[in-house]
Amino acid sequence: MLPILIAMLLVVLVAGLVLFYVAYPHRGQKPAQAEWLGEAMTKAVNRFETLDETDGDAAVRPRPDEPRTHA
């Protein structure tokens, strides 16, 4: 029972962080109460390669210079 409770708390924590990121740093706003958290999340996102709205279907289509792996 305890492992399930810990897993559920972890899931809720991650969901809360995602909501916080979407509500503030992703839109370019600074949160009033937790500026340090917004800055930390922005730095973390900038370290990873992410897709933006302009990428569209390019994320699922193979690049022209890459050979097709399936028929």
Foldseek 3Di string as FASTA:
>chain_A
DVVVVVVVVVVVVVVVLVVVQVVALVVPHADDPCNVSSVVVVVVVVVDDDDDPVCPCVVPDDDPVDDDPDD
